Amino acid sequence: MPPSLIKTRFTEFLVQENSLDECGFEEWIFYPGMLFNELEKWWGDKKGKRDRPHEGLDLFLYRDQRDRILHLDKKTRVPVMFNGVVVSILNDFLGKSVIMEHDFADSDNRKFCTIYGHTNPYDGIHVGRVVRQGDVIATLADAGKSKAGISTHLHISAGWIFKSISYDRLDWETIGAPDAMTLLDPLNVIDRRYV
């Protein structure tokens, strides 16, 4: 795992970009099913299991210093965790997923990537676009029309992709397949408290 994965300022950037610190952003709140590798559903009637373990982390709820529980919405601006380049933009069931490649190396000759799911990428965000840590690439997709009863939220995945895998082969069926991508727990990018 790249050493800087633990030191990212992602939440700090997200809080600043969306003025979430006006009442003092305190901590993220996670329901069962929102964390990496969990099988529970956290949306709709919250009954049942996912088809497969969760590929990442869902950011939706947070607590402020007044002890209010608030949520992200479709106006939420999404910053990137690390310097990188956009390598793919996929359709997902709420919007689009932006896949970023970052300049980290590992001993197995793999590429490190982050994925920002359920977004509406800004104009100018395209394959080949170079971005810096903290740059805003999208807003969240509106889940209001979702038939599954899911709320607007940001899905984040992180992992190593084998250099032999072409980005155009990646989709939500192949992400996490052992011959394509080794997923990591993105909770390490959270630079604020969580419960």
Protein backbone atom coordinates (compact mmCIF):
# COMPACT_ATOMS: atom_id res chain seq x y z
CA MET A 1 0.00 0.00 0.00
CA PRO A 2 1.43 3.44 -0.82
CA PRO A 3 2.55 5.19 2.37
CA SER A 4 0.68 8.39 1.46
CA LEU A 5 -2.63 6.52 1.24
CA ILE A 6 -2.87 6.89 5.00
CA LYS A 7 -1.94 10.59 4.93
CA THR A 8 -4.37 11.89 2.32
CA ARG A 9 -6.24 15.12 3.07
CA PHE A 10 -9.37 13.95 1.21
CA THR A 11 -11.91 14.75 3.96
CA GLU A 12 -10.24 18.09 4.59
CA PHE A 13 -10.59 18.97 0.90
CA LEU A 14 -14.20 17.74 0.78
CA VAL A 15 -15.09 19.73 3.91
CA GLN A 16 -13.47 22.92 2.55
CA GLU A 17 -14.93 22.60 -0.96
CA ASN A 18 -18.45 22.14 0.41
CA SER A 19 -18.29 24.48 3.44
CA LEU A 20 -19.09 21.56 5.74
CA ASP A 21 -16.98 23.17 8.44
CA GLU A 22 -19.39 26.09 8.98
CA CYS A 23 -20.86 24.24 11.95
CA GLY A 24 -17.73 22.21 12.56
CA PHE A 25 -17.49 18.91 10.70
CA GLU A 26 -16.90 16.37 13.46
CA GLU A 27 -16.96 12.83 12.05
CA TRP A 28 -18.25 10.48 9.36
CA ILE A 29 -21.08 8.10 10.27
CA PHE A 30 -21.31 4.66 8.69
CA TYR A 31 -24.29 2.30 8.75
CA PRO A 32 -23.70 -1.44 8.45
CA GLY A 33 -23.17 -2.10 4.76
CA MET A 34 -21.35 1.16 3.97
CA LEU A 35 -17.85 -0.10 4.72
CA PHE A 36 -15.45 -2.14 2.61
CA ASN A 37 -16.17 -5.86 2.14
CA GLU A 38 -19.52 -5.74 3.96
CA LEU A 39 -22.43 -7.79 2.63
CA GLU A 40 -25.39 -5.94 4.16
CA LYS A 41 -27.55 -3.48 2.23
CA TRP A 42 -27.82 -0.01 3.80
CA TRP A 43 -30.40 1.42 1.39
CA GLY A 44 -34.08 0.90 0.66
CA ASP A 45 -35.69 -1.43 3.19
CA LYS A 46 -32.17 -2.37 4.45
CA LYS A 47 -33.15 -6.01 4.31
CA GLY A 48 -31.05 -8.57 2.58
CA LYS A 49 -27.55 -8.93 1.32
CA ARG A 50 -25.52 -7.52 -1.52
CA ASP A 51 -24.76 -9.81 -4.44
CA ARG A 52 -21.06 -9.62 -3.49
CA PRO A 53 -18.92 -7.86 -0.88
CA HIS A 54 -18.88 -4.05 -1.08
CA GLU A 55 -16.01 -2.88 -3.29
CA GLY A 56 -15.37 0.28 -1.32
CA LEU A 57 -16.73 2.84 1.08
CA ASP A 58 -19.96 4.86 0.89
CA LEU A 59 -19.76 8.42 2.25
CA PHE A 60 -23.18 9.84 3.06
CA LEU A 61 -23.71 10.86 6.71
CA TYR A 62 -21.63 13.04 9.01
CA ARG A 63 -22.00 14.66 12.42
CA ASP A 64 -21.21 18.31 13.13
CA GLN A 65 -20.05 19.88 16.41
CA ARG A 66 -23.65 20.70 17.33
CA ASP A 67 -24.27 16.93 17.30
CA ARG A 68 -26.53 17.17 14.24
CA ILE A 69 -26.46 14.34 11.72
CA LEU A 70 -26.24 15.75 8.20
CA HIS A 71 -25.76 14.21 4.77
CA LEU A 72 -24.05 14.80 1.47
CA ASP A 73 -26.31 15.81 -1.42
CA LYS A 74 -26.25 16.30 -5.19
CA LYS A 75 -24.47 19.65 -4.79
CA THR A 76 -21.51 18.00 -3.03
CA ARG A 77 -18.26 18.73 -4.87
CA VAL A 78 -15.91 15.73 -5.11
CA PRO A 79 -12.13 16.32 -4.76
CA VAL A 80 -9.45 13.78 -5.68
CA MET A 81 -7.25 12.14 -3.05
CA PHE A 82 -3.91 12.17 -4.88
CA ASN A 83 -2.22 13.65 -7.92
CA GLY A 84 -3.15 11.54 -10.92
CA VAL A 85 -4.68 11.15 -14.34
CA VAL A 86 -8.22 10.20 -15.37
CA VAL A 87 -7.99 6.80 -17.07
CA SER A 88 -11.67 5.87 -17.44
CA ILE A 89 -15.19 7.16 -16.90
CA LEU A 90 -17.83 4.44 -16.50
CA ASN A 91 -21.59 4.54 -16.29
CA ASP A 92 -22.92 3.29 -12.97
CA PHE A 93 -26.44 2.88 -11.66
CA LEU A 94 -26.59 6.42 -10.19
CA GLY A 95 -24.33 8.39 -12.51
CA LYS A 96 -20.75 7.91 -13.57
CA SER A 97 -17.61 6.53 -11.93
CA VAL A 98 -14.30 8.29 -12.51
CA ILE A 99 -11.20 6.07 -12.34
CA MET A 100 -7.91 7.81 -11.54
CA GLU A 101 -4.41 6.33 -11.84
CA HIS A 102 -1.81 7.57 -9.36
CA ASP A 103 1.94 7.50 -9.54
CA PHE A 104 2.63 4.84 -6.91
CA ALA A 105 4.62 1.72 -7.62
CA ASP A 106 4.50 -1.70 -6.04
CA SER A 107 6.73 -4.75 -6.25
CA ASP A 108 4.20 -6.67 -8.38
CA ASN A 109 4.26 -4.17 -11.26
CA ARG A 110 0.71 -2.92 -10.64
CA LYS A 111 -0.88 0.53 -11.00
CA PHE A 112 -2.60 2.20 -8.03
CA CYS A 113 -6.08 3.59 -8.77
CA THR A 114 -8.94 5.30 -6.98
CA ILE A 115 -12.55 5.27 -8.14
CA TYR A 116 -15.14 7.97 -7.37
CA GLY A 117 -18.59 6.50 -7.99
CA HIS A 118 -22.09 7.92 -8.41
CA THR A 119 -20.92 11.29 -9.72
CA ASN A 120 -21.60 13.83 -12.45
CA PRO A 121 -18.11 14.65 -13.78
CA TYR A 122 -17.48 18.28 -14.63
CA ASP A 123 -17.01 19.39 -18.23
CA GLY A 124 -13.33 19.03 -18.99
CA ILE A 125 -12.94 15.88 -16.91
CA HIS A 126 -12.03 13.30 -19.53
CA VAL A 127 -9.66 10.41 -20.07
CA GLY A 128 -6.13 11.81 -20.04
CA ARG A 129 -6.94 14.79 -17.80
CA VAL A 130 -4.20 15.36 -15.20
CA VAL A 131 -5.41 16.52 -11.78
CA ARG A 132 -3.75 17.54 -8.54
CA GLN A 133 -4.63 16.39 -5.04
CA GLY A 134 -7.73 18.31 -3.92
CA ASP A 135 -8.91 19.30 -7.41
CA VAL A 136 -12.67 18.97 -7.78
CA ILE A 137 -13.72 16.60 -10.56
CA ALA A 138 -17.48 16.18 -10.10
CA THR A 139 -20.60 16.63 -8.06
CA LEU A 140 -22.67 13.76 -6.73
CA ALA A 141 -25.31 12.20 -8.94
CA ASP A 142 -28.91 12.72 -7.82
CA ALA A 143 -30.26 9.44 -6.48
CA GLY A 144 -33.77 10.82 -6.17
CA LYS A 145 -34.99 8.74 -9.10
CA SER A 146 -33.39 5.52 -7.86
CA LYS A 147 -35.89 2.67 -7.75
CA ALA A 148 -33.78 0.96 -5.06
CA GLY A 149 -34.46 3.71 -2.52
CA ILE A 150 -30.78 4.58 -2.27
CA SER A 151 -29.65 8.02 -1.10
CA THR A 152 -27.25 10.33 -2.91
CA HIS A 153 -23.77 9.35 -1.72
CA LEU A 154 -20.14 9.07 -2.81
CA HIS A 155 -18.72 5.61 -3.39
CA ILE A 156 -14.92 5.36 -3.15
CA SER A 157 -12.85 2.35 -4.16
CA ALA A 158 -9.07 2.03 -4.13
CA GLY A 159 -6.76 -0.70 -5.30
CA TRP A 160 -4.00 -2.11 -7.44
CA ILE A 161 -4.63 -2.90 -11.10
CA PHE A 162 -2.36 -5.30 -12.95
CA LYS A 163 -0.44 -3.50 -15.70
CA SER A 164 -1.65 -6.10 -18.21
CA ILE A 165 -5.27 -4.97 -17.69
CA SER A 166 -6.60 -2.34 -20.06
CA TYR A 167 -8.76 0.32 -18.42
CA ASP A 168 -11.45 -0.19 -21.03
CA ARG A 169 -11.89 -3.72 -19.62
CA LEU A 170 -12.81 -2.34 -16.20
CA ASP A 171 -16.45 -2.07 -15.25
CA TRP A 172 -18.41 -2.81 -12.08
CA GLU A 173 -18.44 -6.51 -12.97
CA THR A 174 -14.64 -6.76 -13.23
CA ILE A 175 -13.57 -4.31 -10.51
CA GLY A 176 -12.35 -6.47 -7.68
CA ALA A 177 -11.92 -9.59 -9.80
CA PRO A 178 -8.68 -11.20 -8.61
CA ASP A 179 -7.20 -11.25 -12.11
CA ALA A 180 -7.90 -7.54 -12.67
CA MET A 181 -7.79 -5.49 -9.46
CA THR A 182 -6.80 -6.02 -5.83
CA LEU A 183 -9.10 -3.81 -3.78
CA LEU A 184 -7.93 -2.05 -0.63
CA ASP A 185 -9.98 -0.74 2.27
CA PRO A 186 -10.42 2.98 1.48
CA LEU A 187 -11.19 3.73 5.13
CA ASN A 188 -7.48 4.54 5.34
CA VAL A 189 -8.14 7.72 3.33
CA ILE A 190 -10.47 9.10 5.98
CA ASP A 191 -8.51 11.82 7.71
CA ARG A 192 -11.20 12.57 10.27
CA ARG A 193 -12.89 10.52 12.94
CA TYR A 194 -15.65 8.09 12.08
CA VAL A 195 -18.19 5.94 13.90
